[in-house]
All heavy atoms as atom14 arrays in JSON, in Angstrom:
{
  "sequence": "IPTAEIQTRFHAPSRHGDALVLTLTGNRVGRKSFTL",
  "atom14_mask": [
    [1, 1, 1, 1, 1, 1, 1, 1, 0, 0, 0, 0, 0, 0],
    [1, 1, 1, 1, 1, 1, 1, 0, 0, 0, 0, 0, 0, 0],
    [1, 1, 1, 1, 1, 1, 1, 0, 0, 0, 0, 0, 0, 0],
    [1, 1, 1, 1, 1, 0, 0, 0, 0, 0, 0, 0, 0, 0],
    [1, 1, 1, 1, 1, 1, 1, 1, 1, 0, 0, 0, 0, 0],
    [1, 1, 1, 1, 1, 1, 1, 1, 0, 0, 0, 0, 0, 0],
    [1, 1, 1, 1, 1, 1, 1, 1, 1, 0, 0, 0, 0, 0],
    [1, 1, 1, 1, 1, 1, 1, 0, 0, 0, 0, 0, 0, 0],
    [1, 1, 1, 1, 1, 1, 1, 1, 1, 1, 1, 0, 0, 0],
    [1, 1, 1, 1, 1, 1, 1, 1, 1, 1, 1, 0, 0, 0],
    [1, 1, 1, 1, 1, 1, 1, 1, 1, 1, 0, 0, 0, 0],
    [1, 1, 1, 1, 1, 0, 0, 0, 0, 0, 0, 0, 0, 0],
    [1, 1, 1, 1, 1, 1, 1, 0, 0, 0, 0, 0, 0, 0],
    [1, 1, 1, 1, 1, 1, 0, 0, 0, 0, 0, 0, 0, 0],
    [1, 1, 1, 1, 1, 1, 1, 1, 1, 1, 1, 0, 0, 0],
    [1, 1, 1, 1, 1, 1, 1, 1, 1, 1, 0, 0, 0, 0],
    [1, 1, 1, 1, 0, 0, 0, 0, 0, 0, 0, 0, 0, 0],
    [1, 1, 1, 1, 1, 1, 1, 1, 0, 0, 0, 0, 0, 0],
    [1, 1, 1, 1, 1, 0, 0, 0, 0, 0, 0, 0, 0, 0],
    [1, 1, 1, 1, 1, 1, 1, 1, 0, 0, 0, 0, 0, 0],
    [1, 1, 1, 1, 1, 1, 1, 0, 0, 0, 0, 0, 0, 0],
    [1, 1, 1, 1, 1, 1, 1, 1, 0, 0, 0, 0, 0, 0],
    [1, 1, 1, 1, 1, 1, 1, 0, 0, 0, 0, 0, 0, 0],
    [1, 1, 1, 1, 1, 1, 1, 1, 0, 0, 0, 0, 0, 0],
    [1, 1, 1, 1, 1, 1, 1, 0, 0, 0, 0, 0, 0, 0],
    [1, 1, 1, 1, 0, 0, 0, 0, 0, 0, 0, 0, 0, 0],
    [1, 1, 1, 1, 1, 1, 1, 1, 0, 0, 0, 0, 0, 0],
    [1, 1, 1, 1, 1, 1, 1, 1, 1, 1, 1, 0, 0, 0],
    [1, 1, 1, 1, 1, 1, 1, 0, 0, 0, 0, 0, 0, 0],
    [1, 1, 1, 1, 0, 0, 0, 0, 0, 0, 0, 0, 0, 0],
    [1, 1, 1, 1, 1, 1, 1, 1, 1, 1, 1, 0, 0, 0],
    [1, 1, 1, 1, 1, 1, 1, 1, 1, 0, 0, 0, 0, 0],
    [1, 1, 1, 1, 1, 1, 0, 0, 0, 0, 0, 0, 0, 0],
    [1, 1, 1, 1, 1, 1, 1, 1, 1, 1, 1, 0, 0, 0],
    [1, 1, 1, 1, 1, 1, 1, 0, 0, 0, 0, 0, 0, 0],
    [1, 1, 1, 1, 1, 1, 1, 1, 0, 0, 0, 0, 0, 0]
  ],
  "atom14_positions": [
    [[-112.25, 114.43, 94.94], [-113.25, 113.85, 93.99], [-112.85, 112.48, 93.6], [-112.54, 112.15, 92.46], [-113.33, 114.7, 92.71], [-113.43, 116.17, 93.09], [-114.49, 114.28, 91.81], [-114.74, 116.72, 93.46], [0.0, 0.0, 0.0], [0.0, 0.0, 0.0], [0.0, 0.0, 0.0], [0.0, 0.0, 0.0], [0.0, 0.0, 0.0], [0.0, 0.0, 0.0]],
    [[-112.83, 111.49, 94.55], [-112.36, 110.17, 94.18], [-113.42, 109.38, 93.36], [-114.57, 109.7, 93.48], [-112.1, 109.46, 95.47], [-113.0, 110.23, 96.53], [-113.04, 111.64, 96.0], [0.0, 0.0, 0.0], [0.0, 0.0, 0.0], [0.0, 0.0, 0.0], [0.0, 0.0, 0.0], [0.0, 0.0, 0.0], [0.0, 0.0, 0.0], [0.0, 0.0, 0.0]],
    [[-112.87, 108.44, 92.64], [-113.78, 107.5, 91.92], [-114.25, 106.45, 92.83], [-113.44, 105.7, 93.42], [-113.07, 106.89, 90.69], [-112.65, 107.95, 89.84], [-113.91, 105.89, 89.9], [0.0, 0.0, 0.0], [0.0, 0.0, 0.0], [0.0, 0.0, 0.0], [0.0, 0.0, 0.0], [0.0, 0.0, 0.0], [0.0, 0.0, 0.0], [0.0, 0.0, 0.0]],
    [[-115.5, 106.32, 93.1], [-116.06, 105.27, 93.95], [-116.41, 104.02, 93.19], [-116.29, 102.93, 93.83], [-117.3, 105.81, 94.71], [0.0, 0.0, 0.0], [0.0, 0.0, 0.0], [0.0, 0.0, 0.0], [0.0, 0.0, 0.0], [0.0, 0.0, 0.0], [0.0, 0.0, 0.0], [0.0, 0.0, 0.0], [0.0, 0.0, 0.0], [0.0, 0.0, 0.0]],
    [[-116.73, 104.15, 91.88], [-117.01, 102.93, 91.12], [-116.78, 103.23, 89.62], [-116.97, 104.33, 89.19], [-118.55, 102.57, 91.33], [-118.95, 101.35, 90.6], [-120.41, 101.03, 90.8], [-121.1, 101.76, 91.53], [-120.88, 99.98, 90.2], [0.0, 0.0, 0.0], [0.0, 0.0, 0.0], [0.0, 0.0, 0.0], [0.0, 0.0, 0.0], [0.0, 0.0, 0.0]],
    [[-116.32, 102.21, 88.93], [-116.17, 102.37, 87.53], [-116.42, 101.02, 86.88], [-115.96, 100.01, 87.33], [-114.76, 102.87, 87.14], [-114.71, 103.26, 85.71], [-113.62, 101.94, 87.58], [-113.45, 104.19, 85.34], [0.0, 0.0, 0.0], [0.0, 0.0, 0.0], [0.0, 0.0, 0.0], [0.0, 0.0, 0.0], [0.0, 0.0, 0.0], [0.0, 0.0, 0.0]],
    [[-117.17, 101.07, 85.78], [-117.44, 99.82, 84.92], [-117.04, 100.21, 83.6], [-117.35, 101.29, 83.04], [-118.94, 99.58, 85.0], [-119.46, 99.23, 86.32], [-121.03, 99.15, 86.34], [-121.65, 99.73, 85.5], [-121.55, 98.4, 87.28], [0.0, 0.0, 0.0], [0.0, 0.0, 0.0], [0.0, 0.0, 0.0], [0.0, 0.0, 0.0], [0.0, 0.0, 0.0]],
    [[-116.31, 99.27, 82.99], [-115.76, 99.55, 81.6], [-115.94, 98.3, 80.72], [-115.78, 97.08, 81.15], [-114.32, 99.93, 81.64], [-114.13, 100.89, 82.61], [-113.71, 100.34, 80.3], [0.0, 0.0, 0.0], [0.0, 0.0, 0.0], [0.0, 0.0, 0.0], [0.0, 0.0, 0.0], [0.0, 0.0, 0.0], [0.0, 0.0, 0.0], [0.0, 0.0, 0.0]],
    [[-116.33, 98.55, 79.51], [-116.4, 97.47, 78.49], [-115.51, 97.88, 77.29], [-115.7, 98.99, 76.77], [-117.86, 97.33, 78.13], [-117.89, 96.26, 76.9], [-119.18, 95.5, 76.87], [-118.98, 94.54, 75.83], [-119.44, 93.27, 75.92], [-119.99, 92.92, 77.0], [-119.35, 92.48, 74.98], [0.0, 0.0, 0.0], [0.0, 0.0, 0.0], [0.0, 0.0, 0.0]],
    [[-114.61, 97.0, 76.95], [-113.61, 97.26, 75.88], [-114.16, 96.64, 74.62], [-114.52, 95.39, 74.61], [-112.26, 96.77, 76.22], [-111.72, 97.34, 77.53], [-111.75, 96.6, 78.67], [-111.19, 98.6, 77.55], [-111.23, 97.17, 79.86], [-110.71, 99.18, 78.74], [-110.77, 98.42, 79.88], [0.0, 0.0, 0.0], [0.0, 0.0, 0.0], [0.0, 0.0, 0.0]],
    [[-114.22, 97.44, 73.48], [-114.86, 96.97, 72.33], [-113.8, 96.64, 71.22], [-114.03, 95.69, 70.44], [-115.94, 97.98, 71.76], [-117.09, 98.12, 72.7], [-118.21, 97.35, 72.51], [-117.3, 98.88, 73.78], [-119.08, 97.68, 73.51], [-118.56, 98.54, 74.24], [0.0, 0.0, 0.0], [0.0, 0.0, 0.0], [0.0, 0.0, 0.0], [0.0, 0.0, 0.0]],
    [[-112.81, 97.44, 71.18], [-111.74, 97.16, 70.15], [-110.42, 97.82, 70.65], [-110.42, 98.78, 71.42], [-112.13, 97.86, 68.85], [0.0, 0.0, 0.0], [0.0, 0.0, 0.0], [0.0, 0.0, 0.0], [0.0, 0.0, 0.0], [0.0, 0.0, 0.0], [0.0, 0.0, 0.0], [0.0, 0.0, 0.0], [0.0, 0.0, 0.0], [0.0, 0.0, 0.0]],
    [[-109.31, 97.23, 70.16], [-107.99, 97.76, 70.69], [-107.68, 99.1, 70.02], [-108.14, 99.38, 68.91], [-107.04, 96.71, 70.23], [-107.68, 96.0, 69.09], [-109.16, 96.04, 69.33], [0.0, 0.0, 0.0], [0.0, 0.0, 0.0], [0.0, 0.0, 0.0], [0.0, 0.0, 0.0], [0.0, 0.0, 0.0], [0.0, 0.0, 0.0], [0.0, 0.0, 0.0]],
    [[-106.9, 99.83, 70.74], [-106.35, 101.09, 70.17], [-104.85, 100.93, 69.99], [-104.2, 100.27, 70.84], [-106.68, 102.29, 71.13], [-108.05, 102.55, 71.23], [0.0, 0.0, 0.0], [0.0, 0.0, 0.0], [0.0, 0.0, 0.0], [0.0, 0.0, 0.0], [0.0, 0.0, 0.0], [0.0, 0.0, 0.0], [0.0, 0.0, 0.0], [0.0, 0.0, 0.0]],
    [[-104.33, 101.57, 69.1], [-102.91, 101.39, 68.71], [-102.19, 102.77, 68.73], [-102.75, 103.77, 68.65], [-102.73, 100.76, 67.38], [-103.45, 99.45, 67.19], [-103.11, 98.69, 65.93], [-103.94, 97.51, 65.85], [-103.76, 96.36, 66.49], [-102.8, 96.29, 67.44], [-104.47, 95.29, 66.4], [0.0, 0.0, 0.0], [0.0, 0.0, 0.0], [0.0, 0.0, 0.0]],
    [[-100.85, 102.64, 68.91], [-100.01, 103.82, 69.03], [-100.31, 104.73, 67.81], [-100.28, 104.3, 66.61], [-98.52, 103.37, 68.95], [-97.53, 104.44, 69.18], [-96.22, 104.28, 68.93], [-97.7, 105.68, 69.68], [-95.56, 105.42, 69.25], [-96.5, 106.26, 69.73], [0.0, 0.0, 0.0], [0.0, 0.0, 0.0], [0.0, 0.0, 0.0], [0.0, 0.0, 0.0]],
    [[-100.53, 106.02, 68.08], [-100.87, 107.03, 67.01], [-102.35, 107.19, 66.73], [-102.7, 108.14, 66.11], [0.0, 0.0, 0.0], [0.0, 0.0, 0.0], [0.0, 0.0, 0.0], [0.0, 0.0, 0.0], [0.0, 0.0, 0.0], [0.0, 0.0, 0.0], [0.0, 0.0, 0.0], [0.0, 0.0, 0.0], [0.0, 0.0, 0.0], [0.0, 0.0, 0.0]],
    [[-103.22, 106.31, 67.23], [-104.62, 106.53, 66.99], [-105.12, 107.85, 67.62], [-104.63, 108.27, 68.71], [-105.5, 105.34, 67.67], [-105.46, 104.13, 66.85], [-104.95, 104.1, 65.64], [-105.96, 103.07, 67.36], [0.0, 0.0, 0.0], [0.0, 0.0, 0.0], [0.0, 0.0, 0.0], [0.0, 0.0, 0.0], [0.0, 0.0, 0.0], [0.0, 0.0, 0.0]],
    [[-106.03, 108.48, 66.99], [-106.62, 109.76, 67.49], [-107.99, 109.34, 68.08], [-109.0, 109.25, 67.41], [-106.79, 110.71, 66.37], [0.0, 0.0, 0.0], [0.0, 0.0, 0.0], [0.0, 0.0, 0.0], [0.0, 0.0, 0.0], [0.0, 0.0, 0.0], [0.0, 0.0, 0.0], [0.0, 0.0, 0.0], [0.0, 0.0, 0.0], [0.0, 0.0, 0.0]],
    [[-108.02, 109.28, 69.42], [-109.25, 108.91, 70.16], [-109.94, 110.2, 70.46], [-109.29, 111.26, 70.63], [-108.95, 108.11, 71.45], [-108.2, 106.87, 71.34], [-108.05, 106.26, 72.73], [-108.88, 105.83, 70.41], [0.0, 0.0, 0.0], [0.0, 0.0, 0.0], [0.0, 0.0, 0.0], [0.0, 0.0, 0.0], [0.0, 0.0, 0.0], [0.0, 0.0, 0.0]],
    [[-111.29, 110.08, 70.68], [-112.1, 111.23, 71.21], [-112.88, 110.54, 72.29], [-113.66, 109.61, 72.13], [-113.07, 111.87, 70.19], [-113.91, 112.87, 70.9], [-112.21, 112.47, 69.07], [0.0, 0.0, 0.0], [0.0, 0.0, 0.0], [0.0, 0.0, 0.0], [0.0, 0.0, 0.0], [0.0, 0.0, 0.0], [0.0, 0.0, 0.0], [0.0, 0.0, 0.0]],
    [[-112.68, 111.02, 73.58], [-113.45, 110.59, 74.76], [-114.56, 111.6, 74.87], [-114.38, 112.82, 74.89], [-112.56, 110.61, 75.99], [-111.68, 109.34, 76.14], [-110.61, 109.35, 75.17], [-111.22, 109.29, 77.55], [0.0, 0.0, 0.0], [0.0, 0.0, 0.0], [0.0, 0.0, 0.0], [0.0, 0.0, 0.0], [0.0, 0.0, 0.0], [0.0, 0.0, 0.0]],
    [[-115.76, 111.07, 74.95], [-116.94, 111.89, 75.05], [-117.62, 111.65, 76.42], [-118.0, 110.55, 76.78], [-118.06, 111.57, 73.99], [-117.41, 111.78, 72.69], [-119.31, 112.43, 74.06], [0.0, 0.0, 0.0], [0.0, 0.0, 0.0], [0.0, 0.0, 0.0], [0.0, 0.0, 0.0], [0.0, 0.0, 0.0], [0.0, 0.0, 0.0], [0.0, 0.0, 0.0]],
    [[-117.61, 112.71, 77.23], [-118.13, 112.59, 78.65], [-119.52, 113.15, 78.61], [-119.78, 114.28, 78.21], [-117.17, 113.39, 79.6], [-117.47, 113.34, 81.04], [-116.26, 113.49, 81.9], [-118.55, 114.38, 81.53], [0.0, 0.0, 0.0], [0.0, 0.0, 0.0], [0.0, 0.0, 0.0], [0.0, 0.0, 0.0], [0.0, 0.0, 0.0], [0.0, 0.0, 0.0]],
    [[-120.47, 112.36, 79.23], [-121.89, 112.92, 79.44], [-122.24, 112.61, 80.82], [-121.76, 111.64, 81.51], [-122.84, 112.2, 78.5], [-122.8, 110.82, 78.61], [-122.59, 112.59, 77.04], [0.0, 0.0, 0.0], [0.0, 0.0, 0.0], [0.0, 0.0, 0.0], [0.0, 0.0, 0.0], [0.0, 0.0, 0.0], [0.0, 0.0, 0.0], [0.0, 0.0, 0.0]],
    [[-123.07, 113.53, 81.35], [-123.51, 113.36, 82.74], [-124.73, 112.43, 82.72], [-125.52, 112.47, 81.97], [0.0, 0.0, 0.0], [0.0, 0.0, 0.0], [0.0, 0.0, 0.0], [0.0, 0.0, 0.0], [0.0, 0.0, 0.0], [0.0, 0.0, 0.0], [0.0, 0.0, 0.0], [0.0, 0.0, 0.0], [0.0, 0.0, 0.0], [0.0, 0.0, 0.0]],
    [[-124.66, 111.48, 83.71], [-125.8, 110.54, 83.88], [-126.69, 110.92, 85.01], [-127.86, 110.91, 84.83], [-125.18, 109.13, 84.12], [-126.23, 108.06, 84.16], [-126.89, 107.96, 85.14], [-126.38, 107.23, 83.05], [0.0, 0.0, 0.0], [0.0, 0.0, 0.0], [0.0, 0.0, 0.0], [0.0, 0.0, 0.0], [0.0, 0.0, 0.0], [0.0, 0.0, 0.0]],
    [[-126.09, 111.11, 86.23], [-126.94, 111.49, 87.43], [-126.04, 112.26, 88.39], [-124.89, 111.94, 88.64], [-127.37, 110.15, 88.05], [-128.18, 110.39, 89.3], [-128.52, 108.98, 89.93], [-129.09, 109.2, 91.24], [-128.41, 109.46, 92.41], [-127.12, 109.53, 92.35], [-129.05, 109.62, 93.51], [0.0, 0.0, 0.0], [0.0, 0.0, 0.0], [0.0, 0.0, 0.0]],
    [[-126.72, 113.34, 88.96], [-126.13, 114.05, 89.96], [-126.8, 113.8, 91.25], [-127.99, 114.0, 91.35], [-126.17, 115.61, 89.72], [-125.46, 116.4, 90.85], [-125.51, 115.9, 88.42], [0.0, 0.0, 0.0], [0.0, 0.0, 0.0], [0.0, 0.0, 0.0], [0.0, 0.0, 0.0], [0.0, 0.0, 0.0], [0.0, 0.0, 0.0], [0.0, 0.0, 0.0]],
    [[-126.09, 113.18, 92.21], [-126.7, 112.93, 93.58], [-126.32, 114.04, 94.55], [-125.62, 115.01, 94.16], [0.0, 0.0, 0.0], [0.0, 0.0, 0.0], [0.0, 0.0, 0.0], [0.0, 0.0, 0.0], [0.0, 0.0, 0.0], [0.0, 0.0, 0.0], [0.0, 0.0, 0.0], [0.0, 0.0, 0.0], [0.0, 0.0, 0.0], [0.0, 0.0, 0.0]],
    [[-126.73, 113.88, 95.7], [-126.41, 114.89, 96.79], [-124.92, 114.89, 97.04], [-124.38, 116.0, 97.23], [-127.13, 114.55, 98.02], [-127.28, 115.63, 99.02], [-128.21, 115.36, 100.14], [-127.77, 114.45, 101.1], [-126.97, 114.68, 102.12], [-126.65, 115.96, 102.36], [-126.59, 113.78, 103.02], [0.0, 0.0, 0.0], [0.0, 0.0, 0.0], [0.0, 0.0, 0.0]],
    [[-124.24, 113.8, 96.93], [-122.73, 113.71, 97.19], [-122.04, 113.02, 96.06], [-120.84, 112.83, 96.22], [-122.53, 112.85, 98.52], [-123.19, 113.36, 99.7], [-122.92, 112.49, 100.9], [-123.55, 113.03, 102.22], [-123.19, 112.15, 103.33], [0.0, 0.0, 0.0], [0.0, 0.0, 0.0], [0.0, 0.0, 0.0], [0.0, 0.0, 0.0], [0.0, 0.0, 0.0]],
    [[-122.65, 112.68, 95.01], [-122.05, 111.94, 93.91], [-122.45, 112.39, 92.56], [-123.38, 113.09, 92.39], [-122.38, 110.44, 94.1], [-123.7, 110.23, 93.86], [0.0, 0.0, 0.0], [0.0, 0.0, 0.0], [0.0, 0.0, 0.0], [0.0, 0.0, 0.0], [0.0, 0.0, 0.0], [0.0, 0.0, 0.0], [0.0, 0.0, 0.0], [0.0, 0.0, 0.0]],
    [[-121.65, 111.99, 91.61], [-121.9, 112.32, 90.16], [-121.55, 111.16, 89.38], [-120.42, 110.59, 89.38], [-121.05, 113.55, 89.75], [-121.13, 113.88, 88.26], [-122.34, 114.05, 87.64], [-119.95, 114.09, 87.51], [-122.39, 114.44, 86.32], [-119.98, 114.41, 86.24], [-121.22, 114.64, 85.57], [0.0, 0.0, 0.0], [0.0, 0.0, 0.0], [0.0, 0.0, 0.0]],
    [[-122.52, 110.58, 88.62], [-122.29, 109.43, 87.75], [-122.17, 109.96, 86.37], [-123.13, 110.72, 85.82], [-123.35, 108.42, 87.84], [-123.48, 107.98, 89.29], [-123.13, 107.22, 87.01], [0.0, 0.0, 0.0], [0.0, 0.0, 0.0], [0.0, 0.0, 0.0], [0.0, 0.0, 0.0], [0.0, 0.0, 0.0], [0.0, 0.0, 0.0], [0.0, 0.0, 0.0]],
    [[-121.18, 109.55, 85.61], [-120.88, 110.02, 84.27], [-120.63, 108.83, 83.3], [-120.25, 107.77, 83.84], [-119.75, 110.98, 84.18], [-118.41, 110.53, 84.79], [-117.48, 110.03, 83.75], [-117.68, 111.63, 85.62], [0.0, 0.0, 0.0], [0.0, 0.0, 0.0], [0.0, 0.0, 0.0], [0.0, 0.0, 0.0], [0.0, 0.0, 0.0], [0.0, 0.0, 0.0]]
  ]
}
């Protein structure tokens, strides 16, 4: 399940001890791929 493409935009820095929550949503399921 390799990553074929990734685009990222950073909005603000995170610091040691911060409690992040990563929210994953599905965008598109192709015949051979999954964009999230």
